[in-house]
N, C-alpha and C. Protein backbone atom coordinates (compact mmCIF):
# COMPACT_ATOMS: atom_id res chain seq x y z
N MET A 1 97.22 79.76 74.52
CA MET A 1 96.56 80.04 75.61
C MET A 1 95.23 79.67 75.52
N ARG A 2 94.80 78.86 76.62
CA ARG A 2 93.57 78.21 76.89
C ARG A 2 92.70 78.77 78.29
N ILE A 3 91.51 79.23 78.17
CA ILE A 3 90.90 79.56 79.41
C ILE A 3 89.83 78.27 79.79
N ARG A 4 89.88 77.80 81.04
CA ARG A 4 88.99 76.79 81.54
C ARG A 4 88.73 76.96 82.72
N LYS A 5 87.75 76.08 83.21
CA LYS A 5 87.04 76.18 84.70
C LYS A 5 88.11 75.59 85.51
N TYR A 6 88.18 76.01 86.87
CA TYR A 6 89.03 75.84 87.57
C TYR A 6 88.69 74.29 88.21
N THR A 7 89.77 73.54 88.57
CA THR A 7 89.43 72.26 89.25
C THR A 7 90.35 72.52 90.41
N TYR A 8 89.79 71.50 91.56
CA TYR A 8 90.71 71.47 92.57
C TYR A 8 91.80 71.14 92.65
N ASN A 9 92.43 70.30 91.70
CA ASN A 9 93.81 70.11 91.09
C ASN A 9 94.66 71.39 90.98
N ASP A 10 94.15 72.46 90.48
CA ASP A 10 94.73 73.61 90.15
C ASP A 10 95.14 74.49 91.46
N LYS A 11 94.79 74.05 92.65
CA LYS A 11 94.81 75.02 93.84
C LYS A 11 96.16 75.25 94.05
N ASN A 12 97.23 74.32 93.91
CA ASN A 12 98.75 74.48 94.26
C ASN A 12 99.26 75.55 93.29
N SER A 13 98.85 75.44 92.21
CA SER A 13 99.33 76.39 90.92
C SER A 13 98.82 77.67 91.20
N ILE A 14 97.69 77.92 91.76
CA ILE A 14 97.21 79.37 91.92
C ILE A 14 97.77 79.82 92.98
N LEU A 15 98.07 79.02 94.44
CA LEU A 15 98.93 79.53 95.29
C LEU A 15 100.40 79.81 94.90
N ARG A 16 100.68 79.16 94.06
CA ARG A 16 102.09 79.30 93.49
C ARG A 16 102.09 80.74 92.57
N LEU A 17 101.33 81.10 91.97
CA LEU A 17 101.08 82.31 91.19
C LEU A 17 100.88 83.43 92.36
N LEU A 18 100.18 83.13 93.36
CA LEU A 18 99.92 84.21 94.55
C LEU A 18 101.33 84.68 95.08
N ARG A 19 102.01 83.60 95.57
CA ARG A 19 103.52 83.92 95.87
C ARG A 19 104.57 84.37 95.13
N LEU A 20 104.26 84.09 93.80
CA LEU A 20 105.10 84.80 92.76
C LEU A 20 104.89 86.29 92.75
N ASN A 21 103.61 86.96 93.24
CA ASN A 21 103.32 88.12 93.26
C ASN A 21 103.19 88.93 94.41
N THR A 22 103.70 88.19 95.53
CA THR A 22 103.80 88.73 96.85
C THR A 22 105.02 88.94 97.11
N PRO A 23 105.55 89.95 97.57
CA PRO A 23 104.69 91.04 98.00
C PRO A 23 104.36 92.37 97.01
N LYS A 24 104.72 92.18 95.94
CA LYS A 24 104.58 93.37 94.77
C LYS A 24 103.00 93.60 94.81
N TYR A 25 102.21 92.72 94.66
CA TYR A 25 100.78 92.71 94.18
C TYR A 25 99.89 92.40 95.56
N PHE A 26 100.25 91.61 96.10
CA PHE A 26 99.40 91.26 97.17
C PHE A 26 100.21 91.01 98.51
N ALA A 27 99.57 91.28 99.55
CA ALA A 27 100.17 91.35 101.02
C ALA A 27 100.35 89.79 101.50
N PRO A 28 101.46 89.29 102.22
CA PRO A 28 101.50 88.12 102.76
C PRO A 28 100.26 87.58 103.36
N ALA A 29 99.53 88.27 104.05
CA ALA A 29 98.50 87.86 104.83
C ALA A 29 97.12 87.37 104.15
N GLU A 30 97.14 87.65 102.74
CA GLU A 30 96.20 87.51 101.66
C GLU A 30 96.30 86.08 101.41
N GLU A 31 97.23 85.27 101.62
CA GLU A 31 97.20 83.86 101.04
C GLU A 31 96.11 83.12 101.97
N ALA A 32 96.11 83.29 103.07
CA ALA A 32 94.77 82.70 104.08
C ALA A 32 93.62 83.02 103.45
N ASP A 33 93.45 84.31 102.92
CA ASP A 33 92.17 84.90 102.28
C ASP A 33 91.81 83.98 101.05
N LEU A 34 92.85 83.75 100.47
CA LEU A 34 92.79 83.39 99.07
C LEU A 34 92.48 81.62 99.19
N ILE A 35 92.96 80.96 100.19
CA ILE A 35 92.67 79.51 100.51
C ILE A 35 91.27 79.41 100.93
N ASN A 36 90.95 80.47 101.68
CA ASN A 36 89.51 80.20 102.08
C ASN A 36 88.52 80.47 101.05
N TYR A 37 88.75 81.35 100.02
CA TYR A 37 88.17 81.57 98.69
C TYR A 37 87.98 80.30 97.90
N LEU A 38 89.20 79.84 97.57
CA LEU A 38 89.31 78.48 96.80
C LEU A 38 88.31 77.44 97.49
N ASP A 39 88.34 77.58 98.81
CA ASP A 39 87.76 76.27 99.41
C ASP A 39 86.31 76.35 99.76
N HIS A 40 85.73 77.72 100.01
CA HIS A 40 84.59 77.98 100.38
C HIS A 40 83.70 79.06 99.72
N GLU A 41 84.33 79.91 98.80
CA GLU A 41 83.84 80.86 98.32
C GLU A 41 83.63 80.86 96.55
N ILE A 42 84.04 80.09 96.17
CA ILE A 42 84.02 79.95 94.61
C ILE A 42 82.66 79.87 93.97
N GLU A 43 82.37 80.66 93.10
CA GLU A 43 80.88 80.41 92.44
C GLU A 43 81.59 79.87 90.92
N GLU A 44 82.41 80.89 90.45
CA GLU A 44 83.01 80.37 89.04
C GLU A 44 84.37 80.68 89.23
N TYR A 45 85.31 80.08 88.79
CA TYR A 45 86.92 80.43 88.82
C TYR A 45 87.28 79.88 87.51
N PHE A 46 88.29 80.48 86.90
CA PHE A 46 88.71 79.98 85.73
C PHE A 46 90.27 80.01 85.90
N VAL A 47 90.96 79.31 85.18
CA VAL A 47 92.59 79.30 84.83
C VAL A 47 92.94 79.41 83.46
N VAL A 48 93.95 79.97 83.21
CA VAL A 48 94.55 80.34 82.06
C VAL A 48 95.79 79.49 81.91
N GLU A 49 95.67 78.56 80.89
CA GLU A 49 97.22 77.62 80.59
C GLU A 49 97.72 78.01 79.45
N GLU A 50 98.94 77.82 79.49
CA GLU A 50 99.75 77.80 78.34
C GLU A 50 100.91 76.69 78.48
N ASN A 51 100.95 75.78 77.40
CA ASN A 51 101.59 74.77 77.36
C ASN A 51 101.56 73.63 78.92
N ASP A 52 100.26 73.77 78.87
CA ASP A 52 99.88 72.84 80.17
C ASP A 52 100.27 73.32 81.55
N GLU A 53 100.60 74.71 81.66
CA GLU A 53 101.01 75.37 82.77
C GLU A 53 100.11 76.50 83.01
N VAL A 54 99.52 76.54 84.42
CA VAL A 54 98.81 77.71 84.84
C VAL A 54 99.36 78.81 84.86
N ILE A 55 99.17 79.74 84.20
CA ILE A 55 99.85 81.02 84.04
C ILE A 55 98.92 82.23 84.58
N GLY A 56 97.51 81.87 84.93
CA GLY A 56 96.72 82.95 85.33
C GLY A 56 95.35 82.28 85.91
N ALA A 57 94.88 82.96 86.73
CA ALA A 57 93.37 82.75 87.10
C ALA A 57 92.64 83.92 87.75
N GLY A 58 91.47 83.65 87.59
CA GLY A 58 90.36 84.82 88.03
C GLY A 58 88.91 84.13 88.16
N GLY A 59 88.13 84.89 89.30
CA GLY A 59 86.80 84.21 89.14
C GLY A 59 85.96 85.31 89.15
N LEU A 60 84.67 84.68 89.56
CA LEU A 60 83.25 85.42 89.44
C LEU A 60 82.49 85.15 90.79
N ASN A 61 81.89 86.13 91.33
CA ASN A 61 80.91 85.99 92.24
C ASN A 61 79.76 86.89 92.08
N TYR A 62 78.46 86.21 92.49
CA TYR A 62 77.39 86.85 91.96
C TYR A 62 76.58 87.43 93.02
N PHE A 63 75.87 88.52 92.84
CA PHE A 63 75.14 89.29 93.93
C PHE A 63 73.79 89.71 93.19
N PRO A 64 72.88 88.51 93.15
CA PRO A 64 71.69 88.69 92.09
C PRO A 64 70.82 89.80 92.70
N GLU A 65 70.69 90.14 93.86
CA GLU A 65 69.70 90.92 94.42
C GLU A 65 70.30 92.48 94.17
N GLU A 66 71.40 92.69 93.67
CA GLU A 66 71.86 93.76 93.17
C GLU A 66 72.40 93.93 91.75
N ALA A 67 71.94 92.84 91.08
CA ALA A 67 72.04 92.61 89.79
C ALA A 67 73.76 92.98 89.16
N THR A 68 74.34 92.33 90.19
CA THR A 68 76.01 92.41 90.20
C THR A 68 76.74 91.24 89.99
N ALA A 69 77.84 91.24 89.59
CA ALA A 69 78.81 90.21 89.62
C ALA A 69 80.16 91.02 89.92
N ARG A 70 81.00 90.06 90.61
CA ARG A 70 82.05 90.66 91.09
C ARG A 70 83.11 89.79 90.39
N ILE A 71 84.50 90.41 90.01
CA ILE A 71 85.50 90.04 89.45
C ILE A 71 86.43 89.63 90.63
N SER A 72 86.76 88.41 90.98
CA SER A 72 87.57 88.03 92.09
C SER A 72 88.65 87.26 91.80
N TRP A 73 89.81 87.59 92.68
CA TRP A 73 91.00 86.98 92.79
C TRP A 73 91.76 86.54 91.54
N ASP A 74 92.09 87.88 90.76
CA ASP A 74 92.88 87.81 89.42
C ASP A 74 94.25 87.56 89.89
N ILE A 75 94.97 86.80 89.37
CA ILE A 75 96.39 86.49 89.52
C ILE A 75 96.95 86.01 88.31
N ILE A 76 97.87 86.67 87.84
CA ILE A 76 98.72 86.47 86.68
C ILE A 76 100.07 86.34 86.88
N SER A 77 100.75 85.32 86.33
CA SER A 77 102.12 84.94 86.33
C SER A 77 103.08 86.19 86.16
N PRO A 78 104.03 86.51 86.76
CA PRO A 78 104.59 87.90 86.49
C PRO A 78 105.30 87.52 84.93
N ALA A 79 105.65 86.39 84.62
CA ALA A 79 106.29 86.06 83.17
C ALA A 79 105.17 86.25 82.22
N ALA A 80 104.08 86.41 82.62
CA ALA A 80 102.75 86.39 81.69
C ALA A 80 102.23 87.83 81.69
N GLN A 81 102.70 88.54 82.40
CA GLN A 81 101.97 89.84 82.65
C GLN A 81 102.45 90.82 81.49
N GLY A 82 101.54 91.80 81.01
CA GLY A 82 101.87 92.61 79.99
C GLY A 82 101.92 91.87 78.81
N LYS A 83 101.30 90.64 78.56
CA LYS A 83 101.30 89.70 77.26
C LYS A 83 99.72 89.58 77.02
N GLY A 84 98.70 90.11 77.55
CA GLY A 84 97.41 90.01 77.04
C GLY A 84 96.77 88.96 77.70
N VAL A 85 97.56 88.22 78.62
CA VAL A 85 96.77 87.10 79.44
C VAL A 85 95.55 87.77 80.46
N GLY A 86 95.96 88.73 81.13
CA GLY A 86 94.87 89.18 82.08
C GLY A 86 93.88 89.87 81.34
N SER A 87 93.99 90.56 80.17
CA SER A 87 93.01 91.21 79.35
C SER A 87 91.92 90.10 78.86
N ALA A 88 92.72 89.02 78.25
CA ALA A 88 91.85 87.77 77.63
C ALA A 88 90.97 87.18 78.96
N LEU A 89 91.43 86.94 80.04
CA LEU A 89 90.91 86.40 81.00
C LEU A 89 89.48 87.50 81.50
N THR A 90 89.78 88.66 81.68
CA THR A 90 88.97 89.66 82.19
C THR A 90 87.58 89.58 80.95
N LYS A 91 88.13 89.70 79.73
CA LYS A 91 87.24 90.11 78.66
C LYS A 91 86.20 88.78 78.50
N HIS A 92 86.99 87.27 78.93
CA HIS A 92 86.24 86.21 78.82
C HIS A 92 85.12 86.17 79.80
N ARG A 93 85.49 86.61 80.96
CA ARG A 93 84.23 86.66 81.89
C ARG A 93 83.08 87.77 81.64
N ILE A 94 83.69 89.03 81.42
CA ILE A 94 82.66 89.97 81.00
C ILE A 94 81.76 89.48 79.67
N ASN A 95 82.24 88.78 78.83
CA ASN A 95 81.37 88.20 77.74
C ASN A 95 80.41 87.20 78.26
N LEU A 96 81.03 86.51 79.44
CA LEU A 96 79.94 85.53 79.89
C LEU A 96 78.75 86.26 80.53
N LEU A 97 79.19 87.31 81.28
CA LEU A 97 78.33 88.03 82.17
C LEU A 97 77.34 88.86 80.96
N ARG A 98 77.85 89.10 80.11
CA ARG A 98 77.16 89.91 78.86
C ARG A 98 75.60 89.05 78.65
N ASP A 99 75.84 87.77 78.58
CA ASP A 99 74.78 86.85 78.21
C ASP A 99 73.84 86.68 79.39
N ASN A 100 74.14 87.04 80.60
CA ASN A 100 73.27 86.95 81.78
C ASN A 100 72.49 87.93 81.87
N SER A 101 71.14 88.03 81.54
CA SER A 101 70.13 88.96 81.69
C SER A 101 69.92 89.60 83.15
N ASN A 102 70.42 89.03 84.03
CA ASN A 102 70.29 89.25 85.60
C ASN A 102 71.48 89.95 86.17
N ILE A 103 72.45 90.43 85.30
CA ILE A 103 73.72 91.15 85.71
C ILE A 103 73.62 92.49 84.78
N GLU A 104 73.62 93.53 85.63
CA GLU A 104 73.93 94.85 84.88
C GLU A 104 75.12 95.47 85.15
N VAL A 105 76.05 95.17 86.23
CA VAL A 105 77.04 95.57 86.67
C VAL A 105 78.18 94.65 87.05
N VAL A 106 79.55 95.00 86.58
CA VAL A 106 80.59 93.92 87.04
C VAL A 106 81.49 94.83 87.80
N VAL A 107 81.61 94.39 88.89
CA VAL A 107 82.59 95.17 89.89
C VAL A 107 83.84 94.50 90.00
N VAL A 108 85.00 95.31 90.49
CA VAL A 108 86.19 94.82 90.76
C VAL A 108 86.73 95.51 91.91
N ARG A 109 87.25 94.80 92.88
CA ARG A 109 87.84 95.53 94.22
C ARG A 109 89.35 95.08 93.95
N THR A 110 90.14 96.28 93.45
CA THR A 110 91.48 96.12 93.25
C THR A 110 92.41 97.02 94.24
N THR A 111 93.59 97.16 93.72
CA THR A 111 94.49 98.15 94.27
C THR A 111 94.93 99.23 93.49
N GLN A 112 95.58 100.44 94.22
CA GLN A 112 96.18 101.36 93.37
C GLN A 112 97.28 100.64 92.19
N LEU A 113 97.68 99.47 92.64
CA LEU A 113 98.94 98.99 91.75
C LEU A 113 98.38 98.63 90.25
N VAL A 114 97.06 98.07 90.23
CA VAL A 114 96.71 97.55 89.08
C VAL A 114 95.25 98.25 88.40
N TYR A 115 94.64 99.35 89.23
CA TYR A 115 93.45 99.95 88.68
C TYR A 115 93.59 100.14 87.12
N GLY A 116 94.73 100.92 86.84
CA GLY A 116 94.73 101.27 85.36
C GLY A 116 94.46 100.15 84.53
N PHE A 117 94.79 99.02 84.80
CA PHE A 117 94.53 97.93 83.86
C PHE A 117 93.09 97.61 83.86
N TYR A 118 92.46 97.63 84.75
CA TYR A 118 90.85 97.59 84.57
C TYR A 118 90.18 98.78 84.19
N GLU A 119 90.79 100.11 84.32
CA GLU A 119 90.38 101.16 83.75
C GLU A 119 90.45 100.94 82.06
N ASN A 120 91.68 100.54 81.29
CA ASN A 120 91.81 100.31 80.24
C ASN A 120 90.76 99.45 79.42
N LEU A 121 90.00 98.53 80.39
CA LEU A 121 89.13 97.73 80.06
C LEU A 121 87.68 98.01 80.07
N GLY A 122 87.61 99.52 80.37
CA GLY A 122 86.34 99.96 80.52
C GLY A 122 85.79 100.11 82.13
N PHE A 123 86.62 99.69 82.96
CA PHE A 123 85.84 99.95 84.32
C PHE A 123 86.09 101.32 84.77
N LYS A 124 85.18 101.75 85.74
CA LYS A 124 85.28 103.16 86.12
C LYS A 124 85.49 103.08 87.61
N LEU A 125 86.38 103.83 88.03
CA LEU A 125 86.66 103.97 89.65
C LEU A 125 85.45 104.84 90.18
N GLU A 126 85.21 104.17 91.08
CA GLU A 126 83.95 104.59 92.02
C GLU A 126 84.19 104.97 93.40
N GLN A 127 85.14 104.23 94.17
CA GLN A 127 85.62 104.67 95.41
C GLN A 127 86.91 104.12 95.66
N THR A 128 87.70 104.91 96.67
CA THR A 128 88.93 104.71 97.03
C THR A 128 88.83 104.30 98.62
N GLU A 129 89.60 103.35 99.18
CA GLU A 129 89.88 103.43 100.93
C GLU A 129 91.25 102.91 100.99
N LYS A 130 92.02 103.79 101.73
CA LYS A 130 93.53 103.74 101.89
C LYS A 130 93.68 102.39 102.92
N ASP A 131 94.80 101.68 102.70
CA ASP A 131 95.19 100.40 103.46
C ASP A 131 93.93 99.66 103.66
N PHE A 132 93.32 99.28 102.65
CA PHE A 132 91.85 98.47 102.92
C PHE A 132 92.33 97.01 103.08
N TRP A 133 93.46 96.80 102.14
CA TRP A 133 93.80 95.19 101.96
C TRP A 133 94.78 94.78 103.05
N ALA A 134 95.78 95.86 103.38
CA ALA A 134 96.76 95.74 104.05
C ALA A 134 97.59 97.33 104.02
N ASN A 135 98.59 97.39 104.70
CA ASN A 135 99.27 98.69 104.85
C ASN A 135 99.91 98.75 103.48
N GLY A 136 99.58 99.89 102.94
CA GLY A 136 100.16 100.12 101.61
C GLY A 136 99.27 99.62 100.46
N PHE A 137 98.28 98.81 100.45
CA PHE A 137 97.37 98.18 99.52
C PHE A 137 95.99 98.82 99.56
N ASP A 138 95.61 99.86 98.85
CA ASP A 138 94.51 100.64 99.07
C ASP A 138 93.33 99.82 98.21
N LEU A 139 92.22 100.33 98.54
CA LEU A 139 91.13 99.58 97.76
C LEU A 139 90.73 100.76 96.79
N TYR A 140 90.58 100.15 95.48
CA TYR A 140 90.00 100.80 94.38
C TYR A 140 88.82 99.96 93.85
N TYR A 141 87.81 100.40 94.01
CA TYR A 141 86.49 99.61 93.83
C TYR A 141 86.03 100.46 92.42
N MET A 142 85.66 99.56 91.47
CA MET A 142 85.46 99.88 90.07
C MET A 142 84.54 99.09 89.42
N ALA A 143 83.81 99.75 88.57
CA ALA A 143 82.51 99.39 88.09
C ALA A 143 82.48 99.29 86.36
N TYR A 144 81.97 98.20 85.71
CA TYR A 144 81.74 98.06 84.38
C TYR A 144 80.34 97.85 84.18
N ARG A 145 79.46 98.76 83.65
CA ARG A 145 78.17 98.82 83.25
C ARG A 145 77.76 98.42 81.92
N PHE A 146 76.96 97.53 81.54
CA PHE A 146 76.40 97.04 80.38
C PHE A 146 75.61 98.09 80.04
């Protein structure tokens, strides 16, 4: 397993991962949001490869005025879920942020479906909002403080 920075050539692989996780973890309408993110909102984005295949991805966005970074668009291949890929990717980003003296808090906006994953990595639930992402996909706003 190798974590590296995203390149534009990874876009189709990431969209494939999203489709493999829709509708279980993502609403169909979120694909347009991901395309917009990949085309216009990336600050740092990473892919996880195994045997030259992209099996996971996730990003970081920065809010320096709030001393905050946000974990963005985590997507793991269903075949790789539960095998430590998501944990390795999340820990990789937390370790990068730990070295950034301008960041005090890492936040993630996720759903009720996977908030337990982030909770196991030390994130604390701070807020929920029903049907935030789409019908049946609630917002779970979580924070990890250094």
